[in-house]
Structure formats: structure tokens, C-alpha cells
Amino acid sequence: MEFLVTMTTHVPEGTTPAEVDDVRDREAANTKLLAAEGRVLRLWRPPLQPGEWRTIGLFDAAGPAELDAALETMPLRVWRTDEVIPLGPFGSDPGRGKVPLLPAGREYLVWFATDVPAGTDPQRVREMFEREAAYARELAAEGWLLRLWSAPGRSLGHWQATGDGLMRDILRSLPMADWLTTETVPLTRHPSDPIG
């Protein structure tokens, strides 16, 4: 099972730079071990304000208890709060590792909430979902869509594009765009990202 974990670190006041460096070095070493075990799949940095220290991670674990055990081994956890979102299967997911990363691409996480207009004919709804699924397969084949998951109350897509404008254009081109509320998070790779 996969989990998206947003890790927010708050370094206590009075902590010396040497102590911060020590914890960060131990965190990087531990992350390599977790990645080698297949627990940490990806790490990214979302957009940050000055002084913010936040990381988004994609983890693999048999369940919440196993995930928590892995998170407990991370040295930064003493200064961190973690927001865990369980990710479930999604029918149009291309699958882990099936779509290669673009050398010049930027990655994005896009949250989707679907709101079908009241009174829409059920046959039209089925057709729109079928068109959306077929188009998702096309976008994966073209290298833009990396993964899709279901999450509580919405869906999550992992995308890549050669710029923010193209990412917006791709989302606008979705057959169900008028029925979707989206939230796009541009990502940069974390220095400890297992993909390198």
C-alpha cells in the first residue's frame, strides 16, 4: 500500500547549526536505508516560504502500523509533524515505474475532486468517465501522467510537464475538466530522493 506523507519540521529555538547538521546527516543516511528496503519511493519539496521546512514523501508499507514504524526510524521525526494520506488503486493508474521521467520535466501532484452537475443523465456520466479514462491512458503513453491514486474524498495524480503553462493546458484538456476542482502542487526533487 502506498502513502503520501507531508513532513513538516519545526527546529526548536536554541538548536545549534551543528545539531541541525547532525540530524540532517543522520536523516539522509536513514532515508537511503529506507529506500533500499523499498519503503521510501520518492521525496519532493513543495513550494516553500522563507523559513519553512517541509517534504512530501511517497512511501510503501503493508499498512499504517508498518508505515509508522518506518517513520519512527527517521531522526527528524523528533522535530516533525507528519500528515499521512493513504492512497488506493485507481483504474487508470499507469503503474509504478511504467512512465519514464523526462530529463527536462518538472513534476506535479494534482488533487482532483469530481462534482457531477445535478440532473446529468447517468449514461452521459458513464461516457464522460470512460472518455476520461481513455484520455488518461493517452497522457501516460505520451509521458505526461506518471501515476493516479484514489484518496479519501478525492483523487491524486502525479504528473510531469516541461513547464507550468503546459501542465495547466493538460489539465484544461481533460474531458471532465468542467466537473473537476483541482489543486496543483509543483514539486522539486528532494536531495535524498531515491530517484536521484
Protein backbone atom coordinates (compact mmCIF):
# COMPACT_ATOMS: atom_id res chain seq x y z
CA MET A 1 0.00 0.00 0.00
CA GLU A 2 1.24 3.48 -0.81
CA PHE A 3 1.01 6.54 1.40
CA LEU A 4 1.61 10.22 0.77
CA VAL A 5 3.28 11.82 3.78
CA THR A 6 3.72 15.57 4.22
CA MET A 7 6.52 16.05 6.74
CA THR A 8 6.78 19.49 8.35
CA THR A 9 9.83 20.16 10.51
CA HIS A 10 10.00 22.76 13.27
CA VAL A 11 13.54 23.09 14.63
CA PRO A 12 13.34 24.08 18.32
CA GLU A 13 14.62 27.51 19.21
CA GLY A 14 18.16 27.42 20.51
CA THR A 15 19.18 24.42 18.41
CA THR A 16 22.71 24.98 17.14
CA PRO A 17 23.58 24.73 13.43
CA ALA A 18 25.88 21.81 14.29
CA GLU A 19 22.96 19.92 15.88
CA VAL A 20 20.80 20.61 12.82
CA ASP A 21 23.55 19.37 10.50
CA ASP A 22 23.98 16.21 12.59
CA VAL A 23 20.27 15.37 12.49
CA ARG A 24 20.06 16.11 8.77
CA ASP A 25 23.07 13.88 8.03
CA ARG A 26 21.54 11.03 10.04
CA GLU A 27 18.19 11.62 8.28
CA ALA A 28 19.84 11.34 4.84
CA ALA A 29 21.62 8.11 5.83
CA ASN A 30 18.41 6.62 7.23
CA THR A 31 16.46 7.63 4.11
CA LYS A 32 18.95 5.69 1.97
CA LEU A 33 18.30 2.60 4.10
CA LEU A 34 14.51 3.01 3.86
CA ALA A 35 14.79 3.49 0.09
CA ALA A 36 16.92 0.34 -0.21
CA GLU A 37 14.19 -1.55 1.70
CA GLY A 38 11.55 -0.19 -0.70
CA ARG A 39 9.86 1.93 1.99
CA VAL A 40 10.71 5.41 0.64
CA LEU A 41 9.76 5.59 -3.04
CA ARG A 42 10.07 9.33 -3.70
CA LEU A 43 10.80 12.59 -1.87
CA TRP A 44 9.97 16.10 -3.07
CA ARG A 45 9.93 19.66 -1.84
CA PRO A 46 6.74 21.66 -2.40
CA PRO A 47 6.89 25.44 -2.79
CA LEU A 48 8.19 26.86 0.50
CA GLN A 49 8.05 30.24 2.21
CA PRO A 50 11.24 31.55 3.85
CA GLY A 51 11.96 29.54 6.99
CA GLU A 52 9.60 26.68 6.06
CA TRP A 53 10.96 23.17 6.15
CA ARG A 54 8.62 20.68 4.51
CA THR A 55 8.99 17.49 2.49
CA ILE A 56 6.42 15.36 0.66
CA GLY A 57 7.20 11.65 0.52
CA LEU A 58 5.71 8.67 -1.24
CA PHE A 59 6.06 5.60 0.98
CA ASP A 60 5.24 1.92 0.58
CA ALA A 61 4.14 -0.15 3.58
CA ALA A 62 1.86 -3.10 4.33
CA GLY A 63 -0.38 -0.81 6.38
CA PRO A 64 -0.45 2.18 8.76
CA ALA A 65 1.44 0.40 11.55
CA GLU A 66 4.32 -0.57 9.26
CA LEU A 67 4.42 2.96 7.84
CA ASP A 68 4.54 4.47 11.33
CA ALA A 69 7.37 2.11 12.28
CA ALA A 70 9.35 3.32 9.24
CA LEU A 71 8.63 6.99 10.03
CA GLU A 72 9.73 6.44 13.65
CA THR A 73 13.22 5.49 12.44
CA MET A 74 13.70 8.89 10.82
CA PRO A 75 15.88 11.17 13.00
CA LEU A 76 13.98 14.34 12.00
CA ARG A 77 10.76 12.89 13.45
CA VAL A 78 11.67 14.40 16.85
CA TRP A 79 11.10 17.87 15.31
CA ARG A 80 8.44 16.92 12.79
CA THR A 81 4.71 16.55 12.34
CA ASP A 82 3.52 14.13 9.67
CA GLU A 83 0.28 14.24 7.70
CA VAL A 84 -0.40 10.78 6.28
CA ILE A 85 -2.81 10.15 3.41
CA PRO A 86 -3.45 6.52 2.41
CA LEU A 87 -3.51 6.05 -1.36
CA GLY A 88 -5.66 3.43 -3.01
CA PRO A 89 -5.76 1.97 -6.50
CA PHE A 90 -7.20 3.96 -9.38
CA GLY A 91 -8.35 2.25 -12.57
CA SER A 92 -6.38 4.46 -14.96
CA ASP A 93 -3.11 4.36 -12.99
CA PRO A 94 -0.23 3.66 -15.40
CA GLY A 95 1.58 1.80 -12.59
CA ARG A 96 4.78 2.35 -10.66
CA GLY A 97 7.80 2.86 -12.90
CA LYS A 98 5.90 2.44 -16.16
CA VAL A 99 6.31 6.04 -17.41
CA PRO A 100 9.90 7.36 -17.52
CA LEU A 101 10.77 10.73 -16.04
CA LEU A 102 11.53 13.48 -18.53
CA PRO A 103 15.10 14.80 -18.19
CA ALA A 104 13.87 18.40 -18.55
CA GLY A 105 10.47 17.88 -16.95
CA ARG A 106 9.00 19.24 -13.74
CA GLU A 107 6.87 17.03 -11.53
CA TYR A 108 3.48 17.95 -10.09
CA LEU A 109 0.98 16.47 -7.70
CA VAL A 110 -2.58 17.32 -8.71
CA TRP A 111 -5.54 16.74 -6.40
CA PHE A 112 -8.90 16.17 -8.14
CA ALA A 113 -12.40 16.44 -6.72
CA THR A 114 -15.22 15.49 -9.08
CA ASP A 115 -18.57 17.29 -8.96
CA VAL A 116 -21.05 15.92 -11.49
CA PRO A 117 -23.74 18.53 -12.13
CA ALA A 118 -27.09 17.63 -10.62
CA GLY A 119 -29.51 16.12 -13.09
CA THR A 120 -26.82 14.88 -15.51
CA ASP A 121 -28.02 11.83 -17.42
CA PRO A 122 -26.37 8.67 -15.97
CA GLN A 123 -25.44 7.48 -19.46
CA ARG A 124 -23.60 10.78 -20.08
CA VAL A 125 -21.79 10.37 -16.74
CA ARG A 126 -20.63 6.88 -17.73
CA GLU A 127 -19.48 8.12 -21.13
CA MET A 128 -17.54 11.01 -19.57
CA PHE A 129 -15.78 8.70 -17.11
CA GLU A 130 -14.90 6.34 -19.97
CA ARG A 131 -13.52 9.24 -22.05
CA GLU A 132 -11.53 10.47 -19.05
CA ALA A 133 -10.02 7.00 -18.50
CA ALA A 134 -9.11 6.64 -22.19
CA TYR A 135 -7.51 10.09 -22.22
CA ALA A 136 -5.55 9.28 -19.06
CA ARG A 137 -4.08 6.27 -20.86
CA GLU A 138 -3.14 8.55 -23.80
CA LEU A 139 -1.47 11.06 -21.47
CA ALA A 140 0.51 8.27 -19.81
CA ALA A 141 1.60 6.95 -23.21
CA GLU A 142 2.75 10.48 -24.12
CA GLY A 143 4.78 10.66 -20.89
CA TRP A 144 2.76 13.32 -19.01
CA LEU A 145 0.87 11.18 -16.50
CA LEU A 146 3.06 9.16 -14.14
CA ARG A 147 0.59 7.79 -11.55
CA LEU A 148 -3.03 8.02 -10.37
CA TRP A 149 -4.42 7.09 -6.94
CA SER A 150 -7.68 7.31 -5.08
CA ALA A 151 -7.56 9.12 -1.74
CA PRO A 152 -10.21 9.87 0.87
CA GLY A 153 -12.76 12.16 -0.81
CA ARG A 154 -10.74 12.84 -3.95
CA SER A 155 -8.10 11.52 -6.36
CA LEU A 156 -4.41 12.29 -6.76
CA GLY A 157 -2.32 12.40 -9.93
CA HIS A 158 1.46 12.51 -10.27
CA TRP A 159 2.28 14.36 -13.48
CA GLN A 160 5.21 15.83 -15.34
CA ALA A 161 5.44 18.60 -17.91
CA THR A 162 8.08 20.86 -19.39
CA GLY A 163 6.57 23.90 -17.69
CA ASP A 164 3.71 25.22 -15.59
CA GLY A 165 1.84 26.51 -18.65
CA LEU A 166 1.86 23.10 -20.31
CA MET A 167 0.67 21.48 -17.07
CA ARG A 168 -2.26 23.92 -16.95
CA ASP A 169 -3.07 23.17 -20.62
CA ILE A 170 -3.04 19.42 -19.98
CA LEU A 171 -5.45 19.77 -17.06
CA ARG A 172 -7.75 22.05 -19.11
CA SER A 173 -7.81 19.43 -21.88
CA LEU A 174 -9.25 16.69 -19.64
CA PRO A 175 -12.69 15.59 -20.85
CA MET A 176 -14.14 16.13 -17.36
CA ALA A 177 -12.34 19.45 -16.75
CA ASP A 178 -15.63 21.30 -16.20
CA TRP A 179 -16.57 18.80 -13.48
CA LEU A 180 -13.22 18.89 -11.69
CA THR A 181 -11.83 21.07 -8.95
CA THR A 182 -8.06 20.75 -9.00
CA GLU A 183 -5.21 21.78 -6.74
CA THR A 184 -1.76 21.64 -8.36
CA VAL A 185 1.42 21.38 -6.30
CA PRO A 186 4.63 21.98 -8.30
CA LEU A 187 7.49 19.87 -6.98
CA THR A 188 11.26 19.96 -6.88
CA ARG A 189 13.27 16.88 -6.09
CA HIS A 190 14.50 16.50 -2.55
CA PRO A 191 18.27 15.94 -2.18
CA SER A 192 17.51 12.50 -0.68
CA ASP A 193 15.01 11.47 -3.38
CA PRO A 194 15.72 7.80 -4.19
CA ILE A 195 15.35 8.52 -7.91
CA GLY A 196 18.35 10.84 -7.66
